[in-house]
N, C-alpha and C. Protein backbone atom coordinates (compact mmCIF):
# COMPACT_ATOMS: atom_id res chain seq x y z
N MET A 1 99.15 109.74 95.87
CA MET A 1 99.35 108.92 97.23
C MET A 1 99.57 107.66 96.49
N LYS A 2 101.00 106.97 97.30
CA LYS A 2 100.86 105.62 96.50
C LYS A 2 99.86 104.46 97.45
N THR A 3 99.39 103.57 96.33
CA THR A 3 98.53 102.18 96.54
C THR A 3 99.14 101.62 97.85
N VAL A 4 98.35 100.49 98.90
CA VAL A 4 99.13 99.09 99.24
C VAL A 4 99.67 98.32 98.08
N GLU A 5 98.96 98.19 96.93
CA GLU A 5 100.03 97.65 96.41
C GLU A 5 101.34 97.75 95.60
N GLU A 6 101.57 99.32 95.88
CA GLU A 6 102.81 99.95 95.12
C GLU A 6 103.44 100.01 96.52
N ARG A 7 103.07 100.09 97.50
CA ARG A 7 104.07 99.84 98.90
C ARG A 7 104.70 98.60 98.63
N VAL A 8 103.82 97.68 98.57
CA VAL A 8 103.97 95.95 98.59
C VAL A 8 105.07 95.93 97.47
N ALA A 9 104.69 96.59 96.47
CA ALA A 9 105.85 95.84 95.34
C ALA A 9 107.18 96.56 95.99
N GLU A 10 107.56 97.46 96.70
CA GLU A 10 108.56 98.14 97.02
C GLU A 10 109.51 97.50 97.96
N LEU A 11 108.56 96.48 98.75
CA LEU A 11 109.27 95.60 99.74
C LEU A 11 110.51 95.07 99.51
N LYS A 12 110.38 94.14 98.44
CA LYS A 12 111.95 93.23 98.38
C LYS A 12 112.79 94.10 98.06
N ASP A 13 112.77 95.38 97.31
CA ASP A 13 114.44 95.78 97.21
C ASP A 13 114.31 96.47 98.18
N ARG A 14 113.45 97.47 99.30
CA ARG A 14 114.05 97.82 100.18
C ARG A 14 114.70 96.53 101.15
N HIS A 15 114.08 95.78 101.35
CA HIS A 15 114.40 94.46 102.60
C HIS A 15 116.13 93.57 101.69
N ALA A 16 116.39 94.44 100.43
CA ALA A 16 117.50 93.36 99.43
C ALA A 16 118.62 94.33 99.74
N ARG A 17 118.50 95.90 99.94
CA ARG A 17 119.11 97.13 100.37
C ARG A 17 119.69 96.92 101.83
N GLY A 18 119.27 96.04 102.74
CA GLY A 18 119.25 96.27 104.06
C GLY A 18 118.47 96.43 105.08
N TYR A 19 117.40 96.88 104.62
CA TYR A 19 116.29 97.01 105.74
C TYR A 19 116.05 95.77 106.07
N ASN A 20 115.76 96.39 107.94
CA ASN A 20 114.98 95.29 108.41
C ASN A 20 113.56 95.15 108.33
N CYS A 21 112.80 93.84 108.88
CA CYS A 21 111.21 94.35 108.71
C CYS A 21 111.02 95.18 109.22
N ALA A 22 111.14 95.88 110.30
CA ALA A 22 110.71 97.06 111.16
C ALA A 22 110.44 98.12 109.80
N GLN A 23 111.85 98.59 109.62
CA GLN A 23 112.03 99.83 108.65
C GLN A 23 111.15 99.11 107.39
N VAL A 24 111.63 98.30 106.91
CA VAL A 24 110.64 98.33 105.69
C VAL A 24 109.29 98.59 105.57
N VAL A 25 108.59 98.37 107.01
CA VAL A 25 106.79 98.64 106.42
C VAL A 25 106.93 100.06 107.83
N LEU A 26 107.90 100.29 107.87
CA LEU A 26 107.67 102.11 108.93
C LEU A 26 107.73 102.88 107.44
N CYS A 27 108.97 102.70 106.82
CA CYS A 27 109.40 103.28 105.39
C CYS A 27 108.50 103.68 104.29
N SER A 28 107.47 102.45 104.11
CA SER A 28 106.85 102.38 103.77
C SER A 28 105.92 103.34 103.37
N TYR A 29 105.61 103.64 104.66
CA TYR A 29 104.44 104.95 104.79
C TYR A 29 104.88 106.49 105.21
N ALA A 30 106.09 106.20 104.93
CA ALA A 30 106.94 107.88 105.57
C ALA A 30 106.25 109.04 104.65
N ASP A 31 105.33 108.89 103.64
CA ASP A 31 104.79 109.95 102.89
C ASP A 31 103.28 110.13 103.89
N VAL A 32 102.73 109.50 104.55
CA VAL A 32 101.41 109.73 104.70
C VAL A 32 101.56 109.46 106.82
N LEU A 33 102.98 109.47 107.34
CA LEU A 33 103.50 109.77 107.98
C LEU A 33 103.83 110.90 108.09
N SER A 34 103.93 111.90 107.35
CA SER A 34 105.18 112.98 107.17
C SER A 34 106.53 113.06 107.88
N ILE A 35 107.12 111.90 107.70
CA ILE A 35 108.57 111.96 107.91
C ILE A 35 108.84 111.07 107.44
N ASP A 36 110.25 112.23 107.48
CA ASP A 36 111.20 111.88 106.12
C ASP A 36 111.42 110.15 106.28
N GLU A 37 112.36 109.32 105.46
CA GLU A 37 112.53 107.95 105.10
C GLU A 37 113.69 108.00 106.34
N GLU A 38 114.14 108.93 106.64
CA GLU A 38 115.76 108.25 107.19
C GLU A 38 115.28 108.44 108.58
N THR A 39 114.90 109.59 108.77
CA THR A 39 114.36 109.10 110.57
C THR A 39 113.30 108.05 110.96
N LEU A 40 112.46 107.80 109.84
CA LEU A 40 111.80 106.56 109.78
C LEU A 40 112.80 105.75 110.44
N PHE A 41 113.68 105.35 109.34
CA PHE A 41 114.98 104.11 109.27
C PHE A 41 115.50 104.05 110.39
N GLN A 42 116.28 105.52 111.32
CA GLN A 42 116.84 105.40 112.35
C GLN A 42 115.65 104.63 113.81
N ILE A 43 114.59 105.43 113.54
CA ILE A 43 113.76 105.22 114.41
C ILE A 43 113.02 103.83 115.09
N SER A 44 113.48 102.70 113.52
CA SER A 44 113.31 101.68 113.52
C SER A 44 114.10 100.63 113.28
N GLU A 45 115.88 100.81 113.41
CA GLU A 45 116.27 100.48 113.38
C GLU A 45 116.52 99.18 114.04
N GLY A 46 116.17 99.72 115.57
CA GLY A 46 116.44 98.53 116.52
C GLY A 46 115.61 97.18 116.83
N PHE A 47 114.39 97.11 115.79
CA PHE A 47 113.38 96.55 115.53
C PHE A 47 113.58 95.34 115.23
N GLY A 48 114.46 95.07 114.18
CA GLY A 48 114.54 94.14 113.44
C GLY A 48 114.65 92.71 114.18
N ALA A 49 114.47 91.68 113.12
CA ALA A 49 114.86 90.59 114.20
C ALA A 49 114.27 90.27 115.21
N GLY A 50 112.86 90.66 115.67
CA GLY A 50 111.96 90.67 116.24
C GLY A 50 112.44 90.81 117.73
N MET A 51 112.63 92.07 117.61
CA MET A 51 112.82 93.59 118.84
C MET A 51 114.72 93.37 118.49
N GLY A 52 115.39 93.52 118.10
CA GLY A 52 117.22 94.18 118.22
C GLY A 52 117.62 92.50 118.59
N GLY A 53 117.24 91.54 117.39
CA GLY A 53 117.13 90.36 117.39
C GLY A 53 117.14 89.34 117.93
N MET A 54 116.36 89.55 119.32
CA MET A 54 115.84 88.97 120.12
C MET A 54 114.73 87.84 119.95
N MET A 55 114.64 87.65 118.72
CA MET A 55 113.44 86.88 117.86
C MET A 55 111.85 87.28 119.14
N GLU A 56 111.90 88.60 119.20
CA GLU A 56 110.27 88.25 119.96
C GLU A 56 109.55 88.97 119.28
N THR A 57 108.99 90.07 119.65
CA THR A 57 107.63 90.29 118.82
C THR A 57 108.14 90.96 117.60
N CYS A 58 107.52 90.53 115.99
CA CYS A 58 108.02 90.60 114.78
C CYS A 58 108.24 91.95 114.52
N GLY A 59 109.07 92.32 113.77
CA GLY A 59 110.17 93.98 113.33
C GLY A 59 108.53 94.46 112.41
N ALA A 60 108.01 93.58 111.56
CA ALA A 60 106.72 94.26 110.70
C ALA A 60 105.42 94.59 111.93
N VAL A 61 105.38 93.57 113.25
CA VAL A 61 104.47 94.06 113.86
C VAL A 61 104.45 95.60 114.91
N THR A 62 105.68 95.51 114.54
CA THR A 62 106.27 96.85 115.95
C THR A 62 106.12 97.81 115.14
N ALA A 63 106.74 97.63 113.79
CA ALA A 63 106.27 98.87 112.77
C ALA A 63 105.45 99.37 112.69
N MET A 64 103.65 98.54 112.30
CA MET A 64 102.78 98.88 112.53
C MET A 64 102.60 99.51 113.74
N PHE A 65 103.11 99.10 115.03
CA PHE A 65 102.84 99.60 116.49
C PHE A 65 102.87 101.13 116.01
N MET A 66 104.16 101.89 115.89
CA MET A 66 104.77 102.72 115.74
C MET A 66 104.00 103.42 115.24
N ALA A 67 103.52 103.14 113.62
CA ALA A 67 103.19 103.88 112.74
C ALA A 67 101.56 104.10 113.59
N LEU A 68 101.03 103.75 114.23
CA LEU A 68 99.76 103.54 114.54
C LEU A 68 100.04 105.00 115.58
N GLY A 69 100.95 104.99 116.53
CA GLY A 69 101.33 106.03 117.48
C GLY A 69 101.62 107.36 116.72
N LEU A 70 102.19 106.94 115.65
CA LEU A 70 103.01 108.54 114.78
C LEU A 70 101.65 109.35 114.54
N LYS A 71 100.80 108.25 113.63
CA LYS A 71 99.22 108.77 113.51
C LYS A 71 98.04 109.23 114.18
N ASN A 72 98.36 108.25 115.07
CA ASN A 72 97.33 108.60 116.04
C ASN A 72 97.12 109.19 117.02
N SER A 73 98.44 110.05 117.85
CA SER A 73 98.80 110.57 118.90
C SER A 73 98.08 111.78 118.87
N SER A 74 97.91 112.60 119.73
CA SER A 74 97.72 114.20 119.43
C SER A 74 98.52 114.98 119.63
N GLY A 75 99.84 113.91 120.34
CA GLY A 75 101.13 114.33 120.72
C GLY A 75 100.61 115.58 121.94
N ASP A 76 99.96 115.22 122.71
CA ASP A 76 98.98 116.86 123.74
C ASP A 76 100.34 116.49 125.35
N LEU A 77 101.65 116.62 125.75
CA LEU A 77 102.09 115.98 126.31
C LEU A 77 101.97 115.92 127.78
N GLN A 78 100.34 116.75 128.26
CA GLN A 78 99.91 116.89 129.09
C GLN A 78 98.00 115.96 129.55
N ALA A 79 97.91 115.78 128.64
CA ALA A 79 96.50 114.92 128.42
C ALA A 79 96.34 113.95 128.31
N CYS A 80 97.77 113.04 127.25
CA CYS A 80 97.60 111.98 126.95
C CYS A 80 96.03 111.05 126.44
N ASP A 81 95.82 111.96 125.76
CA ASP A 81 94.11 111.46 125.72
C ASP A 81 94.06 110.44 124.52
N THR A 82 94.86 110.60 123.89
CA THR A 82 94.72 109.52 123.01
C THR A 82 95.43 108.06 122.78
N LYS A 83 96.17 107.84 123.72
CA LYS A 83 96.81 106.85 124.61
C LYS A 83 95.46 105.79 124.14
N PRO A 84 94.57 105.43 124.48
CA PRO A 84 93.46 104.45 125.06
C PRO A 84 92.93 104.38 123.90
N GLN A 85 92.96 105.01 122.71
CA GLN A 85 92.27 104.91 121.46
C GLN A 85 93.59 104.22 120.43
N THR A 86 94.58 104.26 120.88
CA THR A 86 95.61 104.06 119.94
C THR A 86 96.18 102.63 120.53
N MET A 87 95.87 102.26 121.90
CA MET A 87 96.14 101.13 122.59
C MET A 87 95.46 99.89 122.02
N ARG A 88 94.30 100.04 121.96
CA ARG A 88 93.22 99.47 121.13
C ARG A 88 93.22 99.16 119.49
N LEU A 89 93.35 100.20 119.11
CA LEU A 89 94.54 100.11 117.53
C LEU A 89 95.10 99.01 117.63
N VAL A 90 96.28 98.98 118.17
CA VAL A 90 97.71 98.22 118.48
C VAL A 90 96.60 97.09 118.54
N ARG A 91 96.15 97.16 119.19
CA ARG A 91 95.36 95.13 119.63
C ARG A 91 94.56 95.20 118.60
N GLU A 92 94.27 95.26 117.63
CA GLU A 92 93.58 95.14 116.63
C GLU A 92 94.20 94.76 115.72
N LEU A 93 95.15 95.94 115.23
CA LEU A 93 96.70 95.24 114.36
C LEU A 93 97.08 94.19 114.83
N ALA A 94 97.55 94.07 116.04
CA ALA A 94 97.71 92.64 116.40
C ALA A 94 97.25 91.42 116.15
N ALA A 95 96.08 91.57 116.52
CA ALA A 95 94.83 90.70 116.53
C ALA A 95 94.89 89.96 114.80
N LYS A 96 94.75 91.26 113.72
CA LYS A 96 94.83 90.81 112.46
C LYS A 96 95.91 89.85 111.84
N PHE A 97 97.14 90.40 112.28
CA PHE A 97 98.16 90.08 112.07
C PHE A 97 98.23 88.28 112.48
N LYS A 98 98.08 88.16 113.75
CA LYS A 98 98.05 86.78 114.41
C LYS A 98 96.75 85.92 113.80
N ASP A 99 96.04 86.30 113.60
CA ASP A 99 94.84 85.49 113.20
C ASP A 99 95.80 85.15 111.43
N LYS A 100 95.67 86.19 110.88
CA LYS A 100 96.65 85.40 109.54
C LYS A 100 97.79 84.21 109.72
N ASN A 101 98.31 84.74 110.55
CA ASN A 101 99.39 84.52 110.51
C ASN A 101 99.57 83.19 111.57
N GLY A 102 99.44 82.87 112.76
CA GLY A 102 99.13 82.39 113.75
C GLY A 102 99.95 82.59 115.18
N SER A 103 100.73 83.65 114.94
CA SER A 103 102.04 84.49 115.89
C SER A 103 101.92 85.82 115.77
N ILE A 104 102.61 86.29 116.29
CA ILE A 104 103.21 88.04 116.57
C ILE A 104 104.57 87.51 116.76
N VAL A 105 105.10 86.81 117.25
CA VAL A 105 106.10 85.93 117.51
C VAL A 105 107.34 86.28 116.52
N CYS A 106 108.51 86.32 116.35
CA CYS A 106 109.26 86.23 115.35
C CYS A 106 110.11 84.59 115.27
N ARG A 107 110.23 84.47 116.43
CA ARG A 107 110.66 83.18 116.74
C ARG A 107 109.78 81.93 116.33
N GLU A 108 108.46 82.08 116.41
CA GLU A 108 107.43 81.40 116.26
C GLU A 108 107.36 81.61 115.10
N LEU A 109 106.97 82.51 114.21
CA LEU A 109 106.73 82.64 113.04
C LEU A 109 108.22 82.20 112.00
N LYS A 110 108.93 82.05 112.35
CA LYS A 110 110.22 81.49 111.67
C LYS A 110 110.20 79.97 111.85
N GLY A 111 109.85 79.57 113.03
CA GLY A 111 109.76 78.57 113.37
C GLY A 111 111.05 77.84 113.64
N VAL A 112 112.31 78.88 114.69
CA VAL A 112 112.96 78.55 115.32
C VAL A 112 113.11 77.26 116.05
N ASP A 113 111.93 76.90 117.31
CA ASP A 113 111.60 75.93 117.82
C ASP A 113 111.33 74.48 117.70
N THR A 114 110.39 74.99 116.43
CA THR A 114 109.66 74.04 116.04
C THR A 114 110.25 73.17 114.55
N GLY A 115 110.74 74.20 114.00
CA GLY A 115 111.22 73.69 112.38
C GLY A 115 109.87 73.97 111.50
N LYS A 116 108.88 74.73 112.16
CA LYS A 116 107.78 75.07 111.17
C LYS A 116 107.45 76.44 110.64
N VAL A 117 108.18 76.76 110.03
CA VAL A 117 108.04 78.37 109.33
C VAL A 117 106.22 78.75 109.52
N LEU A 118 105.74 79.29 109.80
CA LEU A 118 104.25 80.03 109.63
C LEU A 118 104.64 81.23 108.58
N ARG A 119 105.77 81.60 108.74
CA ARG A 119 105.00 82.62 107.28
C ARG A 119 106.57 83.40 107.37
N SER A 120 106.79 83.88 106.24
CA SER A 120 108.65 84.21 106.00
C SER A 120 108.87 85.60 105.85
N CYS A 121 109.63 86.11 106.36
CA CYS A 121 109.96 87.40 106.30
C CYS A 121 109.21 89.10 106.01
N ASP A 122 109.43 88.02 104.40
CA ASP A 122 109.15 88.90 103.23
C ASP A 122 107.33 88.60 103.38
N GLY A 123 106.82 87.44 103.98
CA GLY A 123 105.43 87.65 103.77
C GLY A 123 104.67 88.38 105.02
N CYS A 124 105.85 88.18 106.46
CA CYS A 124 105.46 89.32 107.54
C CYS A 124 105.23 90.86 107.02
N ILE A 125 106.43 91.30 106.51
CA ILE A 125 106.55 92.53 105.81
C ILE A 125 105.22 92.84 105.09
N GLU A 126 104.96 91.97 103.97
CA GLU A 126 103.92 91.97 103.16
C GLU A 126 102.86 92.50 103.85
N ASP A 127 102.25 91.73 104.55
CA ASP A 127 101.20 91.21 105.97
C ASP A 127 101.27 93.02 106.88
N GLY A 128 102.50 93.50 107.03
CA GLY A 128 102.13 94.35 108.02
C GLY A 128 101.79 95.98 106.62
N ILE A 129 102.49 95.46 105.90
CA ILE A 129 102.41 97.00 105.12
C ILE A 129 100.94 96.68 104.95
N ARG A 130 100.24 95.64 104.54
CA ARG A 130 98.41 95.71 104.07
C ARG A 130 97.75 96.01 104.99
N ILE A 131 98.20 95.04 106.46
CA ILE A 131 97.14 95.49 107.58
C ILE A 131 97.32 97.13 107.93
N LEU A 132 98.24 97.77 107.77
CA LEU A 132 98.68 99.03 108.49
C LEU A 132 97.92 99.78 107.19
N GLY A 133 97.81 99.52 106.02
CA GLY A 133 97.04 100.26 105.08
C GLY A 133 95.41 100.71 105.08
N GLU A 134 95.04 99.25 105.83
CA GLU A 134 93.45 99.40 106.11
C GLU A 134 93.24 100.65 107.02
N TYR A 135 94.10 100.84 107.86
CA TYR A 135 94.38 101.99 108.99
C TYR A 135 94.76 102.92 108.59
N LEU A 136 95.69 102.86 107.68
CA LEU A 136 96.07 104.38 107.14
C LEU A 136 95.60 104.84 105.97
N LEU A 137 95.05 104.10 105.29
CA LEU A 137 95.05 104.94 103.88
C LEU A 137 92.96 104.69 103.39
N ASP A 138 92.79 105.69 102.52
CA ASP A 138 91.13 105.30 102.62
C ASP A 138 91.19 104.78 100.76
N GLU A 139 91.45 103.66 100.36
CA GLU A 139 91.57 103.14 99.67
C GLU A 139 89.95 102.51 99.19
């Protein structure tokens, strides 16, 4: 299994090939999620540039949330028993990302309104990969 560092090392190549922020983070963990990269690429396609280009929640952050659901959910359509735990984990990861970067909102991270960039897209992707790795990998 790849380490977090190996996953981070692949981010620039994926981003340069046209993967959006969400796609880079989610596809970085295809092996752990046991879902092929093409499917993860499709699932996360609309989440780049802050949710479909609306500059809302950062794509790297939404990818972390998707990965948590894929990894944590029991998939039990009747009981929905894992939902509270998954939602708690989503809040934890969002807090870690926000503590590190000052926001989870794409527009704010890119400094669109203020002119002050809080974190580059590649930086956000790296943080998403690293934070997610704390939850998905036993390193």
